[in-house]
Amino acid sequence: MKTINIVISPTGATKIETIGFTGSQCRVASQFLETALGKRHSERLTTDFYSTQSSANTETQKEG
């Protein structure tokens, strides 16, 4: 199940967490929220982001 969590701290700082997305799908899905909330100060990518890109590269090499 794909989920986007928005965490707002008592100081007003926001954090967007995407769950269940693979590769860059998380960036596409959360882009409208990042635009609405303002400038991004940091980004932490999970293993789901990297594992999908590696799998895609492996499959392309096998087909070629």
PDB file of N, CA and C in Angstrom:
ATOM      1  N   MET A   1       0.834  -1.168   0.000  1.00  0.00           N
ATOM      2  CA  MET A   1       0.000   0.000   0.000  1.00  0.00           C
ATOM      3  C   MET A   1       0.888   1.244   0.000  1.00  0.00           C
ATOM      4  N   LYS A   2       0.619   2.179  -0.894  1.00  0.00           N
ATOM      5  CA  LYS A   2       1.395   3.404  -0.994  1.00  0.00           C
ATOM      6  C   LYS A   2       0.792   4.465  -0.079  1.00  0.00           C
ATOM      7  N   THR A   3       1.660   5.094   0.713  1.00  0.00           N
ATOM      8  CA  THR A   3       1.217   6.068   1.694  1.00  0.00           C
ATOM      9  C   THR A   3       2.179   7.248   1.708  1.00  0.00           C
ATOM     10  N   ILE A   4       1.633   8.450   1.902  1.00  0.00           N
ATOM     11  CA  ILE A   4       2.450   9.637   2.115  1.00  0.00           C
ATOM     12  C   ILE A   4       2.071  10.194   3.479  1.00  0.00           C
ATOM     13  N   ASN A   5       3.053  10.254   4.381  1.00  0.00           N
ATOM     14  CA  ASN A   5       2.842  10.820   5.709  1.00  0.00           C
ATOM     15  C   ASN A   5       3.433  12.218   5.752  1.00  0.00           C
ATOM     16  N   ILE A   6       2.701  13.149   6.343  1.00  0.00           N
ATOM     17  CA  ILE A   6       3.201  14.496   6.560  1.00  0.00           C
ATOM     18  C   ILE A   6       3.291  14.702   8.067  1.00  0.00           C
ATOM     19  N   VAL A   7       4.497  14.956   8.544  1.00  0.00           N
ATOM     20  CA  VAL A   7       4.729  15.160   9.970  1.00  0.00           C
ATOM     21  C   VAL A   7       5.032  16.640  10.176  1.00  0.00           C
ATOM     22  N   ILE A   8       4.299  17.272  11.092  1.00  0.00           N
ATOM     23  CA  ILE A   8       4.508  18.676  11.404  1.00  0.00           C
ATOM     24  C   ILE A   8       4.936  18.778  12.867  1.00  0.00           C
ATOM     25  N   SER A   9       6.112  19.343  13.090  1.00  0.00           N
ATOM     26  CA  SER A   9       6.641  19.454  14.447  1.00  0.00           C
ATOM     27  C   SER A   9       5.988  20.631  15.166  1.00  0.00           C
ATOM     28  N   PRO A  10       6.127  20.707  16.476  1.00  0.00           N
ATOM     29  CA  PRO A  10       5.583  21.838  17.229  1.00  0.00           C
ATOM     30  C   PRO A  10       6.142  23.195  16.780  1.00  0.00           C
ATOM     31  N   THR A  11       7.341  23.169  16.173  1.00  0.00           N
ATOM     32  CA  THR A  11       7.942  24.420  15.689  1.00  0.00           C
ATOM     33  C   THR A  11       7.478  24.790  14.285  1.00  0.00           C
ATOM     34  N   GLY A  12       6.698  23.912  13.657  1.00  0.00           N
ATOM     35  CA  GLY A  12       6.180  24.177  12.314  1.00  0.00           C
ATOM     36  C   GLY A  12       6.985  23.548  11.201  1.00  0.00           C
ATOM     37  N   ALA A  13       8.089  22.896  11.537  1.00  0.00           N
ATOM     38  CA  ALA A  13       8.879  22.203  10.523  1.00  0.00           C
ATOM     39  C   ALA A  13       8.088  21.006  10.014  1.00  0.00           C
ATOM     40  N   THR A  14       8.164  20.763   8.715  1.00  0.00           N
ATOM     41  CA  THR A  14       7.422  19.658   8.123  1.00  0.00           C
ATOM     42  C   THR A  14       8.380  18.589   7.594  1.00  0.00           C
ATOM     43  N   LYS A  15       7.881  17.370   7.548  1.00  0.00           N
ATOM     44  CA  LYS A  15       8.636  16.231   7.027  1.00  0.00           C
ATOM     45  C   LYS A  15       7.662  15.378   6.219  1.00  0.00           C
ATOM     46  N   ILE A  16       8.053  15.033   5.003  1.00  0.00           N
ATOM     47  CA  ILE A  16       7.238  14.179   4.139  1.00  0.00           C
ATOM     48  C   ILE A  16       7.895  12.807   4.089  1.00  0.00           C
ATOM     49  N   GLU A  17       7.140  11.775   4.386  1.00  0.00           N
ATOM     50  CA  GLU A  17       7.628  10.395   4.333  1.00  0.00           C
ATOM     51  C   GLU A  17       6.768   9.624   3.337  1.00  0.00           C
ATOM     52  N   THR A  18       7.411   8.986   2.388  1.00  0.00           N
ATOM     53  CA  THR A  18       6.683   8.148   1.436  1.00  0.00           C
ATOM     54  C   THR A  18       6.961   6.693   1.767  1.00  0.00           C
ATOM     55  N   ILE A  19       5.920   5.884   1.726  1.00  0.00           N
ATOM     56  CA  ILE A  19       6.025   4.471   2.065  1.00  0.00           C
ATOM     57  C   ILE A  19       5.366   3.652   0.952  1.00  0.00           C
ATOM     58  N   GLY A  20       6.027   2.604   0.506  1.00  0.00           N
ATOM     59  CA  GLY A  20       5.467   1.710  -0.489  1.00  0.00           C
ATOM     60  C   GLY A  20       5.770   2.098  -1.925  1.00  0.00           C
ATOM     61  N   PHE A  21       6.578   3.130  -2.120  1.00  0.00           N
ATOM     62  CA  PHE A  21       6.962   3.552  -3.462  1.00  0.00           C
ATOM     63  C   PHE A  21       8.326   2.968  -3.791  1.00  0.00           C
ATOM     64  N   THR A  22       8.579   2.711  -5.065  1.00  0.00           N
ATOM     65  CA  THR A  22       9.874   2.191  -5.475  1.00  0.00           C
ATOM     66  C   THR A  22      10.520   3.156  -6.455  1.00  0.00           C
ATOM     67  N   GLY A  23      11.836   3.212  -6.416  1.00  0.00           N
ATOM     68  CA  GLY A  23      12.562   4.100  -7.311  1.00  0.00           C
ATOM     69  C   GLY A  23      12.158   5.551  -7.124  1.00  0.00           C
ATOM     70  N   SER A  24      12.106   6.276  -8.202  1.00  0.00           N
ATOM     71  CA  SER A  24      11.787   7.701  -8.136  1.00  0.00           C
ATOM     72  C   SER A  24      10.290   7.984  -8.065  1.00  0.00           C
ATOM     73  N   GLN A  25       9.460   6.955  -7.970  1.00  0.00           N
ATOM     74  CA  GLN A  25       8.009   7.164  -7.841  1.00  0.00           C
ATOM     75  C   GLN A  25       7.679   8.024  -6.627  1.00  0.00           C
ATOM     76  N   CYS A  26       8.466   7.905  -5.566  1.00  0.00           N
ATOM     77  CA  CYS A  26       8.217   8.684  -4.351  1.00  0.00           C
ATOM     78  C   CYS A  26       8.343  10.172  -4.618  1.00  0.00           C
ATOM     79  N   ARG A  27       9.317  10.556  -5.420  1.00  0.00           N
ATOM     80  CA  ARG A  27       9.500  11.976  -5.742  1.00  0.00           C
ATOM     81  C   ARG A  27       8.343  12.504  -6.569  1.00  0.00           C
ATOM     82  N   VAL A  28       7.888  11.724  -7.511  1.00  0.00           N
ATOM     83  CA  VAL A  28       6.755  12.136  -8.347  1.00  0.00           C
ATOM     84  C   VAL A  28       5.500  12.280  -7.498  1.00  0.00           C
ATOM     85  N   ALA A  29       5.269  11.321  -6.624  1.00  0.00           N
ATOM     86  CA  ALA A  29       4.058  11.314  -5.800  1.00  0.00           C
ATOM     87  C   ALA A  29       4.031  12.456  -4.791  1.00  0.00           C
ATOM     88  N   SER A  30       5.180  12.854  -4.272  1.00  0.00           N
ATOM     89  CA  SER A  30       5.209  13.885  -3.232  1.00  0.00           C
ATOM     90  C   SER A  30       5.562  15.276  -3.746  1.00  0.00           C
ATOM     91  N   GLN A  31       5.767  15.422  -5.032  1.00  0.00           N
ATOM     92  CA  GLN A  31       6.193  16.703  -5.602  1.00  0.00           C
ATOM     93  C   GLN A  31       5.207  17.830  -5.308  1.00  0.00           C
ATOM     94  N   PHE A  32       3.914  17.557  -5.400  1.00  0.00           N
ATOM     95  CA  PHE A  32       2.926  18.609  -5.156  1.00  0.00           C
ATOM     96  C   PHE A  32       2.973  19.089  -3.707  1.00  0.00           C
ATOM     97  N   LEU A  33       3.282  18.202  -2.783  1.00  0.00           N
ATOM     98  CA  LEU A  33       3.407  18.595  -1.378  1.00  0.00           C
ATOM     99  C   LEU A  33       4.658  19.434  -1.147  1.00  0.00           C
ATOM    100  N   GLU A  34       5.757  19.047  -1.750  1.00  0.00           N
ATOM    101  CA  GLU A  34       6.983  19.817  -1.613  1.00  0.00           C
ATOM    102  C   GLU A  34       6.810  21.221  -2.185  1.00  0.00           C
ATOM    103  N   THR A  35       6.104  21.332  -3.285  1.00  0.00           N
ATOM    104  CA  THR A  35       5.839  22.639  -3.879  1.00  0.00           C
ATOM    105  C   THR A  35       4.986  23.494  -2.940  1.00  0.00           C
ATOM    106  N   ALA A  36       3.981  22.902  -2.359  1.00  0.00           N
ATOM    107  CA  ALA A  36       3.084  23.629  -1.466  1.00  0.00           C
ATOM    108  C   ALA A  36       3.762  24.032  -0.158  1.00  0.00           C
ATOM    109  N   LEU A  37       4.667  23.179   0.350  1.00  0.00           N
ATOM    110  CA  LEU A  37       5.285  23.436   1.644  1.00  0.00           C
ATOM    111  C   LEU A  37       6.517  24.333   1.570  1.00  0.00           C
ATOM    112  N   GLY A  38       7.093  24.469   0.417  1.00  0.00           N
ATOM    113  CA  GLY A  38       8.243  25.361   0.275  1.00  0.00           C
ATOM    114  C   GLY A  38       9.550  24.633   0.048  1.00  0.00           C
ATOM    115  N   LYS A  39      10.636  25.357   0.229  1.00  0.00           N
ATOM    116  CA  LYS A  39      11.983  24.873  -0.067  1.00  0.00           C
ATOM    117  C   LYS A  39      12.356  23.636   0.762  1.00  0.00           C
ATOM    118  N   ARG A  40      12.958  22.676   0.101  1.00  0.00           N
ATOM    119  CA  ARG A  40      13.440  21.449   0.765  1.00  0.00           C
ATOM    120  C   ARG A  40      14.788  21.745   1.422  1.00  0.00           C
ATOM    121  N   HIS A  41      14.934  21.346   2.671  1.00  0.00           N
ATOM    122  CA  HIS A  41      16.184  21.569   3.392  1.00  0.00           C
ATOM    123  C   HIS A  41      17.069  20.331   3.372  1.00  0.00           C
ATOM    124  N   SER A  42      16.476  19.157   3.284  1.00  0.00           N
ATOM    125  CA  SER A  42      17.275  17.934   3.228  1.00  0.00           C
ATOM    126  C   SER A  42      16.431  16.813   2.637  1.00  0.00           C
ATOM    127  N   GLU A  43      17.112  15.753   2.231  1.00  0.00           N
ATOM    128  CA  GLU A  43      16.432  14.588   1.677  1.00  0.00           C
ATOM    129  C   GLU A  43      17.187  13.346   2.118  1.00  0.00           C
ATOM    130  N   ARG A  44      16.443  12.338   2.544  1.00  0.00           N
ATOM    131  CA  ARG A  44      17.037  11.054   2.927  1.00  0.00           C
ATOM    132  C   ARG A  44      16.331   9.984   2.107  1.00  0.00           C
ATOM    133  N   LEU A  45      17.069   9.321   1.249  1.00  0.00           N
ATOM    134  CA  LEU A  45      16.497   8.293   0.386  1.00  0.00           C
ATOM    135  C   LEU A  45      16.619   6.933   1.067  1.00  0.00           C
ATOM    136  N   THR A  46      15.574   6.117   0.936  1.00  0.00           N
ATOM    137  CA  THR A  46      15.569   4.795   1.558  1.00  0.00           C
ATOM    138  C   THR A  46      16.161   3.753   0.611  1.00  0.00           C
ATOM    139  N   THR A  47      16.318   2.553   1.101  1.00  0.00           N
ATOM    140  CA  THR A  47      16.855   1.468   0.272  1.00  0.00           C
ATOM    141  C   THR A  47      15.911   1.115  -0.871  1.00  0.00           C
ATOM    142  N   ASP A  48      14.607   1.351  -0.719  1.00  0.00           N
ATOM    143  CA  ASP A  48      13.654   1.099  -1.806  1.00  0.00           C
ATOM    144  C   ASP A  48      13.982   1.948  -3.034  1.00  0.00           C
ATOM    145  N   PHE A  49      14.434   3.152  -2.817  1.00  0.00           N
ATOM    146  CA  PHE A  49      14.804   4.025  -3.931  1.00  0.00           C
ATOM    147  C   PHE A  49      15.969   3.428  -4.716  1.00  0.00           C
ATOM    148  N   TYR A  50      16.982   2.979  -4.022  1.00  0.00           N
ATOM    149  CA  TYR A  50      18.181   2.458  -4.678  1.00  0.00           C
ATOM    150  C   TYR A  50      18.016   1.039  -5.211  1.00  0.00           C
ATOM    151  N   SER A  51      17.312   0.185  -4.517  1.00  0.00           N
ATOM    152  CA  SER A  51      17.186  -1.202  -4.946  1.00  0.00           C
ATOM    153  C   SER A  51      16.436  -1.313  -6.258  1.00  0.00           C
ATOM    154  N   THR A  52      15.462  -0.481  -6.489  1.00  0.00           N
ATOM    155  CA  THR A  52      14.706  -0.521  -7.733  1.00  0.00           C
ATOM    156  C   THR A  52      15.562  -0.080  -8.905  1.00  0.00           C
ATOM    157  N   GLN A  53      16.357   0.973  -8.706  1.00  0.00           N
ATOM    158  CA  GLN A  53      17.213   1.440  -9.790  1.00  0.00           C
ATOM    159  C   GLN A  53      18.253   0.391 -10.145  1.00  0.00           C
ATOM    160  N   SER A  54      18.810  -0.293  -9.168  1.00  0.00           N
ATOM    161  CA  SER A  54      19.791  -1.341  -9.432  1.00  0.00           C
ATOM    162  C   SER A  54      19.149  -2.498 -10.178  1.00  0.00           C
ATOM    163  N   SER A  55      17.923  -2.877  -9.789  1.00  0.00           N
ATOM    164  CA  SER A  55      17.213  -3.968 -10.455  1.00  0.00           C
ATOM    165  C   SER A  55      16.925  -3.623 -11.902  1.00  0.00           C
ATOM    166  N   ALA A  56      16.539  -2.390 -12.177  1.00  0.00           N
ATOM    167  CA  ALA A  56      16.233  -1.961 -13.537  1.00  0.00           C
ATOM    168  C   ALA A  56      17.487  -2.033 -14.389  1.00  0.00           C
ATOM    169  N   ASN A  57      18.631  -1.603 -13.865  1.00  0.00           N
ATOM    170  CA  ASN A  57      19.890  -1.660 -14.605  1.00  0.00           C
ATOM    171  C   ASN A  57      20.290  -3.101 -14.882  1.00  0.00           C
ATOM    172  N   THR A  58      20.093  -3.997 -13.945  1.00  0.00           N
ATOM    173  CA  THR A  58      20.432  -5.402 -14.107  1.00  0.00           C
ATOM    174  C   THR A  58      19.565  -6.029 -15.201  1.00  0.00           C
ATOM    175  N   GLU A  59      18.274  -5.738 -15.189  1.00  0.00           N
ATOM    176  CA  GLU A  59      17.377  -6.307 -16.191  1.00  0.00           C
ATOM    177  C   GLU A  59      17.728  -5.810 -17.587  1.00  0.00           C
ATOM    178  N   THR A  60      18.086  -4.548 -17.723  1.00  0.00           N
ATOM    179  CA  THR A  60      18.447  -3.992 -19.026  1.00  0.00           C
ATOM    180  C   THR A  60      19.686  -4.688 -19.557  1.00  0.00           C
ATOM    181  N   GLN A  61      20.661  -4.926 -18.702  1.00  0.00           N
ATOM    182  CA  GLN A  61      21.877  -5.584 -19.138  1.00  0.00           C
ATOM    183  C   GLN A  61      21.633  -7.018 -19.549  1.00  0.00           C
ATOM    184  N   LYS A  62      20.730  -7.718 -18.886  1.00  0.00           N
ATOM    185  CA  LYS A  62      20.418  -9.092 -19.230  1.00  0.00           C
ATOM    186  C   LYS A  62      19.741  -9.174 -20.593  1.00  0.00           C
ATOM    187  N   GLU A  63      18.866  -8.202 -20.898  1.00  0.00           N
ATOM    188  CA  GLU A  63      18.135  -8.226 -22.167  1.00  0.00           C
ATOM    189  C   GLU A  63      19.059  -7.910 -23.339  1.00  0.00           C
ATOM    190  N   GLY A  64      20.069  -7.051 -23.113  1.00  0.00           N
ATOM    191  CA  GLY A  64      20.963  -6.588 -24.182  1.00  0.00           C
ATOM    192  C   GLY A  64      21.937  -7.585 -24.553  1.00  0.00           C
TER     193      GLY A  64
END
